[in-house]
Amino acid sequence: MWPTPGATLRSLGLSSGDTLAEVGSGNGYLALPTARVTAPARTYGLDLDESLLGELERLADRQGIDNVVAVHCDARNPTSALDADIVTDAAPFALADRHELPPYHDGVVFERERV
């Protein structure tokens, strides 16, 4: 993935006060650095795997990050209570071969739909 996610996020213009939701956040590889960059705003980690969300919460607690919210949901039907400025889906970038990416994945972070 990204060797320095915090620096990558800052270079993309993410800053304090931006609320972000990461679809498929897993244990927080992107969500935890995002929370540091955007504090005090919330960072939502959305995932279907409850054990990974539990790990996300434990890592956030261990690192003293209190603005991460783990959300158990299916990415195809996220909770209606979610209020975010930016929604990311970093999972496709973990594919072994970049040629497997759908055509709309032409950037690291893109706007799929205004939420």
N, C-alpha and C. Protein backbone atom coordinates (compact mmCIF):
# COMPACT_ATOMS: atom_id res chain seq x y z
N MET A 1 0.85 -1.18 0.00
CA MET A 1 0.00 0.00 0.00
C MET A 1 0.89 1.24 0.00
N TRP A 2 0.62 2.19 0.86
CA TRP A 2 1.38 3.43 0.89
C TRP A 2 2.39 3.34 2.03
N PRO A 3 3.66 3.65 1.77
CA PRO A 3 4.66 3.56 2.83
C PRO A 3 4.44 4.59 3.92
N THR A 4 3.89 5.74 3.59
CA THR A 4 3.63 6.79 4.58
C THR A 4 2.22 7.35 4.36
N PRO A 5 1.21 6.65 4.85
CA PRO A 5 -0.17 7.07 4.57
C PRO A 5 -0.48 8.48 5.07
N GLY A 6 0.03 8.87 6.22
CA GLY A 6 -0.24 10.22 6.75
C GLY A 6 0.26 11.30 5.81
N ALA A 7 1.49 11.14 5.32
CA ALA A 7 2.05 12.12 4.39
C ALA A 7 1.28 12.12 3.07
N THR A 8 0.88 10.94 2.62
CA THR A 8 0.10 10.84 1.38
C THR A 8 -1.22 11.58 1.54
N LEU A 9 -1.89 11.37 2.65
CA LEU A 9 -3.18 12.02 2.89
C LEU A 9 -3.04 13.54 2.94
N ARG A 10 -1.99 14.02 3.62
CA ARG A 10 -1.76 15.47 3.68
C ARG A 10 -1.50 16.04 2.30
N SER A 11 -0.72 15.32 1.48
CA SER A 11 -0.41 15.81 0.13
C SER A 11 -1.66 15.85 -0.75
N LEU A 12 -2.66 15.06 -0.41
CA LEU A 12 -3.92 15.08 -1.14
C LEU A 12 -4.89 16.15 -0.63
N GLY A 13 -4.44 16.89 0.39
CA GLY A 13 -5.25 18.00 0.89
C GLY A 13 -6.10 17.70 2.10
N LEU A 14 -5.99 16.51 2.68
CA LEU A 14 -6.72 16.17 3.89
C LEU A 14 -6.16 16.97 5.04
N SER A 15 -7.02 17.52 5.88
CA SER A 15 -6.52 18.33 6.98
C SER A 15 -7.46 18.25 8.18
N SER A 16 -7.05 18.87 9.26
CA SER A 16 -7.82 18.88 10.49
C SER A 16 -9.25 19.37 10.22
N GLY A 17 -10.21 18.63 10.75
CA GLY A 17 -11.60 19.01 10.59
C GLY A 17 -12.33 18.26 9.49
N ASP A 18 -11.60 17.58 8.60
CA ASP A 18 -12.24 16.78 7.54
C ASP A 18 -12.73 15.47 8.15
N THR A 19 -13.95 15.10 7.86
CA THR A 19 -14.50 13.82 8.32
C THR A 19 -14.38 12.82 7.17
N LEU A 20 -13.76 11.68 7.46
CA LEU A 20 -13.52 10.69 6.42
C LEU A 20 -14.11 9.35 6.82
N ALA A 21 -14.63 8.63 5.84
CA ALA A 21 -15.09 7.26 6.04
C ALA A 21 -14.30 6.38 5.10
N GLU A 22 -13.69 5.35 5.65
CA GLU A 22 -12.94 4.40 4.83
C GLU A 22 -13.73 3.11 4.70
N VAL A 23 -14.10 2.77 3.49
CA VAL A 23 -14.81 1.52 3.21
C VAL A 23 -13.78 0.40 3.18
N GLY A 24 -14.04 -0.65 3.93
CA GLY A 24 -13.10 -1.77 3.99
C GLY A 24 -11.86 -1.41 4.79
N SER A 25 -12.07 -0.77 5.93
CA SER A 25 -10.94 -0.25 6.72
C SER A 25 -10.08 -1.32 7.37
N GLY A 26 -10.63 -2.51 7.54
CA GLY A 26 -9.85 -3.56 8.20
C GLY A 26 -9.39 -3.12 9.57
N ASN A 27 -8.11 -3.32 9.87
CA ASN A 27 -7.60 -2.97 11.19
C ASN A 27 -7.07 -1.54 11.27
N GLY A 28 -7.26 -0.76 10.21
CA GLY A 28 -6.97 0.67 10.31
C GLY A 28 -5.70 1.17 9.66
N TYR A 29 -5.13 0.44 8.70
CA TYR A 29 -3.90 0.89 8.05
C TYR A 29 -4.03 2.33 7.54
N LEU A 30 -5.18 2.67 6.99
CA LEU A 30 -5.42 4.03 6.52
C LEU A 30 -6.22 4.84 7.53
N ALA A 31 -7.16 4.21 8.22
CA ALA A 31 -8.04 4.94 9.13
C ALA A 31 -7.29 5.57 10.30
N LEU A 32 -6.30 4.88 10.85
CA LEU A 32 -5.57 5.44 11.99
C LEU A 32 -4.74 6.67 11.62
N PRO A 33 -3.94 6.63 10.54
CA PRO A 33 -3.25 7.86 10.13
C PRO A 33 -4.22 8.97 9.75
N THR A 34 -5.34 8.60 9.14
CA THR A 34 -6.35 9.61 8.78
C THR A 34 -6.85 10.31 10.03
N ALA A 35 -7.13 9.54 11.07
CA ALA A 35 -7.63 10.12 12.31
C ALA A 35 -6.63 11.11 12.92
N ARG A 36 -5.35 10.81 12.80
CA ARG A 36 -4.33 11.73 13.31
C ARG A 36 -4.34 13.04 12.51
N VAL A 37 -4.46 12.91 11.19
CA VAL A 37 -4.41 14.09 10.31
C VAL A 37 -5.66 14.95 10.47
N THR A 38 -6.82 14.33 10.62
CA THR A 38 -8.08 15.07 10.60
C THR A 38 -8.63 15.43 11.98
N ALA A 39 -7.97 15.00 13.05
CA ALA A 39 -8.45 15.30 14.40
C ALA A 39 -8.71 16.81 14.53
N PRO A 40 -9.75 17.18 15.22
CA PRO A 40 -10.62 16.39 16.09
C PRO A 40 -11.82 15.75 15.38
N ALA A 41 -11.93 15.92 14.06
CA ALA A 41 -13.05 15.32 13.32
C ALA A 41 -12.99 13.80 13.40
N ARG A 42 -14.10 13.18 13.20
CA ARG A 42 -14.18 11.72 13.25
C ARG A 42 -13.69 11.09 11.95
N THR A 43 -13.10 9.91 12.11
CA THR A 43 -12.76 9.04 10.99
C THR A 43 -13.53 7.76 11.21
N TYR A 44 -14.33 7.38 10.22
CA TYR A 44 -15.12 6.16 10.31
C TYR A 44 -14.41 5.04 9.58
N GLY A 45 -14.27 3.91 10.25
CA GLY A 45 -13.74 2.70 9.61
C GLY A 45 -14.88 1.74 9.40
N LEU A 46 -15.26 1.52 8.15
CA LEU A 46 -16.38 0.63 7.82
C LEU A 46 -15.83 -0.71 7.36
N ASP A 47 -16.34 -1.78 7.96
CA ASP A 47 -15.90 -3.10 7.55
C ASP A 47 -16.96 -4.13 7.92
N LEU A 48 -16.95 -5.23 7.21
CA LEU A 48 -17.88 -6.33 7.47
C LEU A 48 -17.30 -7.30 8.51
N ASP A 49 -15.99 -7.26 8.68
CA ASP A 49 -15.29 -8.19 9.58
C ASP A 49 -15.19 -7.59 10.98
N GLU A 50 -16.00 -8.10 11.90
CA GLU A 50 -16.03 -7.56 13.26
C GLU A 50 -14.71 -7.74 14.00
N SER A 51 -13.97 -8.81 13.70
CA SER A 51 -12.70 -9.02 14.39
C SER A 51 -11.68 -7.95 13.98
N LEU A 52 -11.68 -7.57 12.70
CA LEU A 52 -10.77 -6.49 12.26
C LEU A 52 -11.19 -5.15 12.86
N LEU A 53 -12.48 -4.91 12.98
CA LEU A 53 -12.94 -3.67 13.62
C LEU A 53 -12.54 -3.64 15.09
N GLY A 54 -12.59 -4.79 15.74
CA GLY A 54 -12.13 -4.86 17.13
C GLY A 54 -10.65 -4.53 17.24
N GLU A 55 -9.87 -5.03 16.28
CA GLU A 55 -8.44 -4.72 16.26
C GLU A 55 -8.22 -3.23 16.00
N LEU A 56 -9.02 -2.65 15.11
CA LEU A 56 -8.94 -1.22 14.86
C LEU A 56 -9.17 -0.43 16.15
N GLU A 57 -10.19 -0.80 16.90
CA GLU A 57 -10.48 -0.11 18.16
C GLU A 57 -9.35 -0.28 19.17
N ARG A 58 -8.79 -1.50 19.26
CA ARG A 58 -7.68 -1.73 20.20
C ARG A 58 -6.45 -0.92 19.81
N LEU A 59 -6.13 -0.89 18.51
CA LEU A 59 -4.97 -0.12 18.06
C LEU A 59 -5.17 1.37 18.29
N ALA A 60 -6.37 1.85 18.03
CA ALA A 60 -6.66 3.28 18.26
C ALA A 60 -6.49 3.61 19.74
N ASP A 61 -7.01 2.74 20.60
CA ASP A 61 -6.89 2.96 22.05
C ASP A 61 -5.42 2.94 22.48
N ARG A 62 -4.67 1.97 21.99
CA ARG A 62 -3.26 1.83 22.33
C ARG A 62 -2.45 3.05 21.87
N GLN A 63 -2.85 3.64 20.73
CA GLN A 63 -2.13 4.79 20.18
C GLN A 63 -2.69 6.13 20.65
N GLY A 64 -3.70 6.08 21.52
CA GLY A 64 -4.27 7.30 22.06
C GLY A 64 -5.09 8.09 21.04
N ILE A 65 -5.67 7.41 20.09
CA ILE A 65 -6.50 8.05 19.06
C ILE A 65 -7.95 7.86 19.45
N ASP A 66 -8.65 8.98 19.71
CA ASP A 66 -10.01 8.86 20.20
C ASP A 66 -11.08 9.31 19.22
N ASN A 67 -10.70 9.58 17.98
CA ASN A 67 -11.68 10.06 17.00
C ASN A 67 -11.96 9.04 15.89
N VAL A 68 -11.62 7.76 16.13
CA VAL A 68 -11.94 6.69 15.18
C VAL A 68 -13.22 6.02 15.63
N VAL A 69 -14.13 5.84 14.68
CA VAL A 69 -15.38 5.15 14.96
C VAL A 69 -15.46 3.92 14.07
N ALA A 70 -15.45 2.74 14.68
CA ALA A 70 -15.56 1.48 13.93
C ALA A 70 -17.04 1.22 13.64
N VAL A 71 -17.35 0.97 12.36
CA VAL A 71 -18.74 0.76 11.95
C VAL A 71 -18.85 -0.59 11.25
N HIS A 72 -19.63 -1.48 11.84
CA HIS A 72 -19.85 -2.79 11.23
C HIS A 72 -20.97 -2.67 10.22
N CYS A 73 -20.64 -2.82 8.94
CA CYS A 73 -21.66 -2.73 7.90
C CYS A 73 -21.11 -3.29 6.59
N ASP A 74 -22.02 -3.53 5.68
CA ASP A 74 -21.69 -3.95 4.34
C ASP A 74 -21.46 -2.68 3.51
N ALA A 75 -20.38 -2.63 2.77
CA ALA A 75 -20.04 -1.44 1.99
C ALA A 75 -21.12 -1.09 0.97
N ARG A 76 -21.90 -2.08 0.58
CA ARG A 76 -22.97 -1.82 -0.39
C ARG A 76 -24.16 -1.12 0.23
N ASN A 77 -24.21 -1.10 1.58
CA ASN A 77 -25.32 -0.48 2.27
C ASN A 77 -24.84 0.13 3.59
N PRO A 78 -24.01 1.19 3.50
CA PRO A 78 -23.50 1.79 4.74
C PRO A 78 -24.64 2.43 5.53
N THR A 79 -24.38 2.61 6.78
CA THR A 79 -25.37 3.16 7.68
C THR A 79 -25.81 4.56 7.25
N SER A 80 -27.06 4.86 7.41
CA SER A 80 -27.57 6.18 7.03
C SER A 80 -27.12 7.25 8.03
N ALA A 81 -26.61 6.83 9.19
CA ALA A 81 -26.15 7.79 10.19
C ALA A 81 -24.76 8.33 9.87
N LEU A 82 -24.14 7.78 8.86
CA LEU A 82 -22.78 8.18 8.49
C LEU A 82 -22.80 9.56 7.86
N ASP A 83 -21.98 10.45 8.39
CA ASP A 83 -21.87 11.81 7.86
C ASP A 83 -20.39 12.08 7.62
N ALA A 84 -19.96 12.05 6.36
CA ALA A 84 -18.54 12.21 6.04
C ALA A 84 -18.34 13.17 4.89
N ASP A 85 -17.23 13.92 4.94
CA ASP A 85 -16.85 14.81 3.85
C ASP A 85 -16.24 14.02 2.71
N ILE A 86 -15.47 12.97 3.05
CA ILE A 86 -14.72 12.20 2.08
C ILE A 86 -14.94 10.72 2.37
N VAL A 87 -15.15 9.93 1.32
CA VAL A 87 -15.26 8.47 1.47
C VAL A 87 -14.18 7.85 0.60
N THR A 88 -13.37 6.98 1.21
CA THR A 88 -12.31 6.32 0.46
C THR A 88 -12.57 4.82 0.43
N ASP A 89 -12.00 4.20 -0.57
CA ASP A 89 -12.04 2.75 -0.70
C ASP A 89 -10.64 2.34 -1.13
N ALA A 90 -9.78 2.07 -0.16
CA ALA A 90 -8.39 1.76 -0.46
C ALA A 90 -8.19 0.31 -0.84
N ALA A 91 -9.15 -0.54 -0.57
CA ALA A 91 -8.98 -1.98 -0.81
C ALA A 91 -8.56 -2.33 -2.23
N PRO A 92 -9.09 -1.71 -3.27
CA PRO A 92 -8.67 -2.10 -4.62
C PRO A 92 -7.17 -1.92 -4.87
N PHE A 93 -6.53 -1.04 -4.10
CA PHE A 93 -5.11 -0.79 -4.31
C PHE A 93 -4.24 -1.89 -3.74
N ALA A 94 -4.84 -2.83 -3.02
CA ALA A 94 -4.10 -3.96 -2.48
C ALA A 94 -4.01 -5.10 -3.50
N LEU A 95 -4.68 -4.96 -4.63
CA LEU A 95 -4.62 -5.99 -5.65
C LEU A 95 -3.20 -6.17 -6.16
N ALA A 96 -2.85 -7.38 -6.45
CA ALA A 96 -1.48 -7.69 -6.87
C ALA A 96 -1.11 -7.03 -8.19
N ASP A 97 -2.05 -6.93 -9.09
CA ASP A 97 -1.77 -6.42 -10.43
C ASP A 97 -2.64 -5.19 -10.69
N ARG A 98 -2.00 -4.05 -10.87
CA ARG A 98 -2.75 -2.80 -11.08
C ARG A 98 -3.69 -2.90 -12.27
N HIS A 99 -3.40 -3.76 -13.23
CA HIS A 99 -4.26 -3.90 -14.40
C HIS A 99 -5.61 -4.51 -14.05
N GLU A 100 -5.72 -5.06 -12.84
CA GLU A 100 -7.00 -5.63 -12.41
C GLU A 100 -7.97 -4.56 -11.95
N LEU A 101 -7.51 -3.33 -11.77
CA LEU A 101 -8.37 -2.28 -11.25
C LEU A 101 -9.41 -1.85 -12.28
N PRO A 102 -10.61 -1.56 -11.80
CA PRO A 102 -11.63 -1.03 -12.72
C PRO A 102 -11.17 0.32 -13.26
N PRO A 103 -11.70 0.75 -14.40
CA PRO A 103 -11.24 1.99 -15.04
C PRO A 103 -11.41 3.24 -14.19
N TYR A 104 -12.37 3.25 -13.25
CA TYR A 104 -12.57 4.46 -12.46
C TYR A 104 -11.52 4.65 -11.37
N HIS A 105 -10.64 3.67 -11.16
CA HIS A 105 -9.59 3.79 -10.15
C HIS A 105 -8.34 4.43 -10.75
N ASP A 106 -8.47 5.65 -11.23
CA ASP A 106 -7.34 6.30 -11.86
C ASP A 106 -6.58 7.21 -10.91
N GLY A 107 -6.95 7.22 -9.65
CA GLY A 107 -6.26 8.03 -8.65
C GLY A 107 -6.29 7.32 -7.32
N VAL A 108 -5.52 7.82 -6.38
CA VAL A 108 -5.46 7.19 -5.06
C VAL A 108 -6.75 7.42 -4.31
N VAL A 109 -7.24 8.65 -4.33
CA VAL A 109 -8.51 8.98 -3.70
C VAL A 109 -9.35 9.67 -4.77
N PHE A 110 -10.56 9.26 -4.91
CA PHE A 110 -11.41 9.86 -5.93
C PHE A 110 -12.79 10.04 -5.36
N GLU A 111 -13.53 10.91 -5.96
CA GLU A 111 -14.89 11.12 -5.52
C GLU A 111 -15.81 10.27 -6.38
N ARG A 112 -16.40 9.28 -5.76
CA ARG A 112 -17.33 8.41 -6.48
C ARG A 112 -18.72 9.04 -6.47
N GLU A 113 -19.09 9.58 -5.34
CA GLU A 113 -20.42 10.16 -5.20
C GLU A 113 -20.39 11.10 -4.00
N ARG A 114 -20.99 12.25 -4.11
CA ARG A 114 -21.05 13.20 -3.01
C ARG A 114 -21.98 12.63 -1.95
N VAL A 115 -21.51 12.55 -0.71
CA VAL A 115 -22.34 12.01 0.37
C VAL A 115 -22.70 13.09 1.37
